[in-house]
Amino acid sequence: MPLDRTERIIAFAVASVGGISIIAIVAVFVGRAANADFTNGAWPAVAMLPLVGLPITLIALIIFMIMTTVRRNRLARDAGE
């Protein structure tokens, strides 16, 4: 069963936002190990990105799972009739 357009967009959003958040977490770990100054430059945004990105990823993942379940139930119901 191929995914429809909305499901593909949500799956891509889950993967991209989640991946960027994980990369930001790794960057914060490396920055802390290198004693970087987290008050200047892009560091404040990098440090805050996982705090916003990971909840968005979780919500989008739940929406994706609900949409996929509804579509599969609908296809199974239509195939049974």
N, C-alpha and C. Protein backbone atom coordinates (compact mmCIF):
# COMPACT_ATOMS: atom_id res chain seq x y z
N MET A 1 0.84 -1.19 0.00
CA MET A 1 0.00 0.00 0.00
C MET A 1 0.88 1.25 0.00
N PRO A 2 0.86 1.99 -1.06
CA PRO A 2 1.64 3.23 -1.06
C PRO A 2 0.97 4.29 -0.19
N LEU A 3 1.79 5.16 0.35
CA LEU A 3 1.28 6.24 1.19
C LEU A 3 0.69 7.34 0.32
N ASP A 4 -0.35 8.00 0.81
CA ASP A 4 -0.87 9.13 0.06
C ASP A 4 0.00 10.36 0.36
N ARG A 5 -0.31 11.44 -0.29
CA ARG A 5 0.53 12.64 -0.22
C ARG A 5 0.65 13.18 1.21
N THR A 6 -0.44 13.25 1.93
CA THR A 6 -0.42 13.79 3.29
C THR A 6 0.43 12.93 4.21
N GLU A 7 0.31 11.62 4.08
CA GLU A 7 1.11 10.72 4.92
C GLU A 7 2.59 10.84 4.60
N ARG A 8 2.92 10.99 3.32
CA ARG A 8 4.33 11.17 2.95
C ARG A 8 4.89 12.47 3.51
N ILE A 9 4.11 13.53 3.48
CA ILE A 9 4.56 14.82 4.00
C ILE A 9 4.79 14.73 5.51
N ILE A 10 3.86 14.10 6.21
CA ILE A 10 4.01 13.97 7.67
C ILE A 10 5.19 13.06 8.00
N ALA A 11 5.38 11.98 7.25
CA ALA A 11 6.52 11.09 7.50
C ALA A 11 7.83 11.83 7.26
N PHE A 12 7.90 12.64 6.21
CA PHE A 12 9.10 13.42 5.95
C PHE A 12 9.33 14.45 7.06
N ALA A 13 8.26 15.06 7.54
CA ALA A 13 8.40 16.04 8.63
C ALA A 13 8.91 15.37 9.90
N VAL A 14 8.40 14.18 10.20
CA VAL A 14 8.86 13.44 11.38
C VAL A 14 10.35 13.16 11.26
N ALA A 15 10.75 12.65 10.10
CA ALA A 15 12.15 12.28 9.90
C ALA A 15 13.07 13.50 9.93
N SER A 16 12.67 14.58 9.26
CA SER A 16 13.56 15.74 9.17
C SER A 16 13.65 16.51 10.48
N VAL A 17 12.52 16.78 11.11
CA VAL A 17 12.55 17.54 12.37
C VAL A 17 13.21 16.71 13.47
N GLY A 18 12.89 15.42 13.52
CA GLY A 18 13.53 14.55 14.50
C GLY A 18 15.02 14.43 14.28
N GLY A 19 15.43 14.29 13.02
CA GLY A 19 16.86 14.20 12.72
C GLY A 19 17.62 15.47 13.06
N ILE A 20 17.04 16.60 12.72
CA ILE A 20 17.69 17.87 13.04
C ILE A 20 17.78 18.07 14.55
N SER A 21 16.76 17.66 15.27
CA SER A 21 16.79 17.78 16.74
C SER A 21 17.88 16.90 17.34
N ILE A 22 18.02 15.70 16.83
CA ILE A 22 19.07 14.80 17.33
C ILE A 22 20.46 15.35 17.00
N ILE A 23 20.61 15.91 15.81
CA ILE A 23 21.89 16.53 15.45
C ILE A 23 22.18 17.71 16.38
N ALA A 24 21.15 18.47 16.73
CA ALA A 24 21.34 19.60 17.64
C ALA A 24 21.75 19.13 19.04
N ILE A 25 21.19 18.00 19.48
CA ILE A 25 21.59 17.45 20.78
C ILE A 25 23.06 17.07 20.76
N VAL A 26 23.48 16.41 19.69
CA VAL A 26 24.89 16.03 19.57
C VAL A 26 25.78 17.27 19.53
N ALA A 27 25.33 18.31 18.82
CA ALA A 27 26.10 19.55 18.75
C ALA A 27 26.24 20.20 20.12
N VAL A 28 25.19 20.15 20.93
CA VAL A 28 25.27 20.70 22.29
C VAL A 28 26.25 19.91 23.12
N PHE A 29 26.23 18.58 23.01
CA PHE A 29 27.20 17.76 23.73
C PHE A 29 28.63 18.12 23.34
N VAL A 30 28.86 18.26 22.05
CA VAL A 30 30.21 18.62 21.57
C VAL A 30 30.58 20.02 22.04
N GLY A 31 29.64 20.94 21.99
CA GLY A 31 29.90 22.30 22.45
C GLY A 31 30.22 22.37 23.93
N ARG A 32 29.49 21.59 24.71
CA ARG A 32 29.78 21.56 26.15
C ARG A 32 31.17 20.97 26.41
N ALA A 33 31.53 19.93 25.66
CA ALA A 33 32.84 19.31 25.84
C ALA A 33 33.97 20.26 25.42
N ALA A 34 33.68 21.13 24.46
CA ALA A 34 34.69 22.08 23.98
C ALA A 34 34.64 23.40 24.74
N ASN A 35 33.82 23.48 25.78
CA ASN A 35 33.66 24.70 26.58
C ASN A 35 33.26 25.91 25.73
N ALA A 36 32.30 25.70 24.84
CA ALA A 36 31.81 26.78 23.99
C ALA A 36 30.95 27.74 24.82
N ASP A 37 30.92 28.99 24.38
CA ASP A 37 30.09 30.00 25.02
C ASP A 37 28.68 29.92 24.42
N PHE A 38 27.71 29.48 25.19
CA PHE A 38 26.36 29.26 24.68
C PHE A 38 25.50 30.52 24.72
N THR A 39 26.10 31.68 24.99
CA THR A 39 25.31 32.92 25.03
C THR A 39 25.45 33.73 23.76
N ASN A 40 26.38 33.36 22.87
CA ASN A 40 26.62 34.14 21.66
C ASN A 40 26.45 33.28 20.42
N GLY A 41 26.18 33.94 19.31
CA GLY A 41 26.11 33.26 18.03
C GLY A 41 24.87 32.40 17.88
N ALA A 42 25.05 31.27 17.21
CA ALA A 42 23.93 30.38 16.94
C ALA A 42 23.68 29.38 18.07
N TRP A 43 24.53 29.35 19.07
CA TRP A 43 24.40 28.37 20.15
C TRP A 43 23.08 28.44 20.90
N PRO A 44 22.51 29.61 21.19
CA PRO A 44 21.21 29.60 21.88
C PRO A 44 20.12 28.92 21.05
N ALA A 45 20.14 29.14 19.75
CA ALA A 45 19.13 28.50 18.90
C ALA A 45 19.37 26.99 18.82
N VAL A 46 20.62 26.59 18.73
CA VAL A 46 20.95 25.16 18.68
C VAL A 46 20.55 24.48 19.98
N ALA A 47 20.76 25.14 21.09
CA ALA A 47 20.41 24.57 22.38
C ALA A 47 18.89 24.47 22.58
N MET A 48 18.12 25.39 22.00
CA MET A 48 16.67 25.39 22.16
C MET A 48 15.96 24.51 21.13
N LEU A 49 16.61 24.20 20.04
CA LEU A 49 15.97 23.43 18.97
C LEU A 49 15.40 22.09 19.43
N PRO A 50 16.11 21.27 20.19
CA PRO A 50 15.51 20.01 20.63
C PRO A 50 14.31 20.18 21.56
N LEU A 51 14.27 21.28 22.30
CA LEU A 51 13.14 21.51 23.20
C LEU A 51 11.85 21.77 22.44
N VAL A 52 11.97 22.24 21.21
CA VAL A 52 10.80 22.49 20.37
C VAL A 52 10.61 21.36 19.37
N GLY A 53 11.70 20.89 18.79
CA GLY A 53 11.62 19.91 17.71
C GLY A 53 11.16 18.54 18.14
N LEU A 54 11.60 18.07 19.28
CA LEU A 54 11.22 16.72 19.71
C LEU A 54 9.73 16.60 20.05
N PRO A 55 9.10 17.57 20.73
CA PRO A 55 7.64 17.46 20.92
C PRO A 55 6.87 17.55 19.60
N ILE A 56 7.33 18.38 18.67
CA ILE A 56 6.69 18.45 17.36
C ILE A 56 6.81 17.11 16.65
N THR A 57 7.96 16.47 16.76
CA THR A 57 8.16 15.16 16.16
C THR A 57 7.21 14.14 16.76
N LEU A 58 7.08 14.15 18.07
CA LEU A 58 6.18 13.20 18.73
C LEU A 58 4.74 13.40 18.30
N ILE A 59 4.28 14.64 18.24
CA ILE A 59 2.91 14.93 17.83
C ILE A 59 2.68 14.51 16.38
N ALA A 60 3.63 14.82 15.50
CA ALA A 60 3.49 14.44 14.10
C ALA A 60 3.52 12.92 13.94
N LEU A 61 4.30 12.23 14.74
CA LEU A 61 4.35 10.77 14.68
C LEU A 61 3.02 10.16 15.11
N ILE A 62 2.42 10.71 16.14
CA ILE A 62 1.11 10.22 16.58
C ILE A 62 0.06 10.47 15.51
N ILE A 63 0.07 11.65 14.89
CA ILE A 63 -0.86 11.96 13.81
C ILE A 63 -0.66 11.00 12.64
N PHE A 64 0.60 10.72 12.30
CA PHE A 64 0.90 9.80 11.21
C PHE A 64 0.36 8.40 11.51
N MET A 65 0.55 7.93 12.73
CA MET A 65 0.07 6.60 13.08
C MET A 65 -1.46 6.53 13.05
N ILE A 66 -2.13 7.56 13.50
CA ILE A 66 -3.60 7.59 13.46
C ILE A 66 -4.09 7.59 12.02
N MET A 67 -3.48 8.42 11.18
CA MET A 67 -3.89 8.49 9.78
C MET A 67 -3.68 7.15 9.07
N THR A 68 -2.56 6.51 9.33
CA THR A 68 -2.27 5.23 8.70
C THR A 68 -3.25 4.16 9.17
N THR A 69 -3.57 4.14 10.45
CA THR A 69 -4.52 3.17 10.99
C THR A 69 -5.91 3.37 10.39
N VAL A 70 -6.35 4.61 10.29
CA VAL A 70 -7.66 4.90 9.71
C VAL A 70 -7.69 4.47 8.25
N ARG A 71 -6.64 4.74 7.50
CA ARG A 71 -6.61 4.36 6.08
C ARG A 71 -6.63 2.86 5.92
N ARG A 72 -5.85 2.14 6.75
CA ARG A 72 -5.83 0.67 6.64
C ARG A 72 -7.17 0.07 7.04
N ASN A 73 -7.81 0.61 8.05
CA ASN A 73 -9.13 0.12 8.44
C ASN A 73 -10.15 0.37 7.33
N ARG A 74 -10.06 1.52 6.71
CA ARG A 74 -10.97 1.84 5.62
C ARG A 74 -10.74 0.90 4.43
N LEU A 75 -9.48 0.61 4.10
CA LEU A 75 -9.19 -0.30 3.00
C LEU A 75 -9.65 -1.72 3.34
N ALA A 76 -9.45 -2.15 4.58
CA ALA A 76 -9.89 -3.48 4.97
C ALA A 76 -11.42 -3.60 4.93
N ARG A 77 -12.10 -2.54 5.36
CA ARG A 77 -13.56 -2.55 5.31
C ARG A 77 -14.07 -2.59 3.88
N ASP A 78 -13.43 -1.82 2.99
CA ASP A 78 -13.85 -1.81 1.59
C ASP A 78 -13.54 -3.13 0.90
N ALA A 79 -12.47 -3.81 1.29
CA ALA A 79 -12.11 -5.08 0.67
C ALA A 79 -13.03 -6.19 1.14
N GLY A 80 -13.58 -6.07 2.34
CA GLY A 80 -14.46 -7.10 2.88
C GLY A 80 -15.86 -7.05 2.34
N GLU A 81 -16.26 -5.95 1.78
CA GLU A 81 -17.63 -5.81 1.29
C GLU A 81 -17.79 -6.34 -0.11
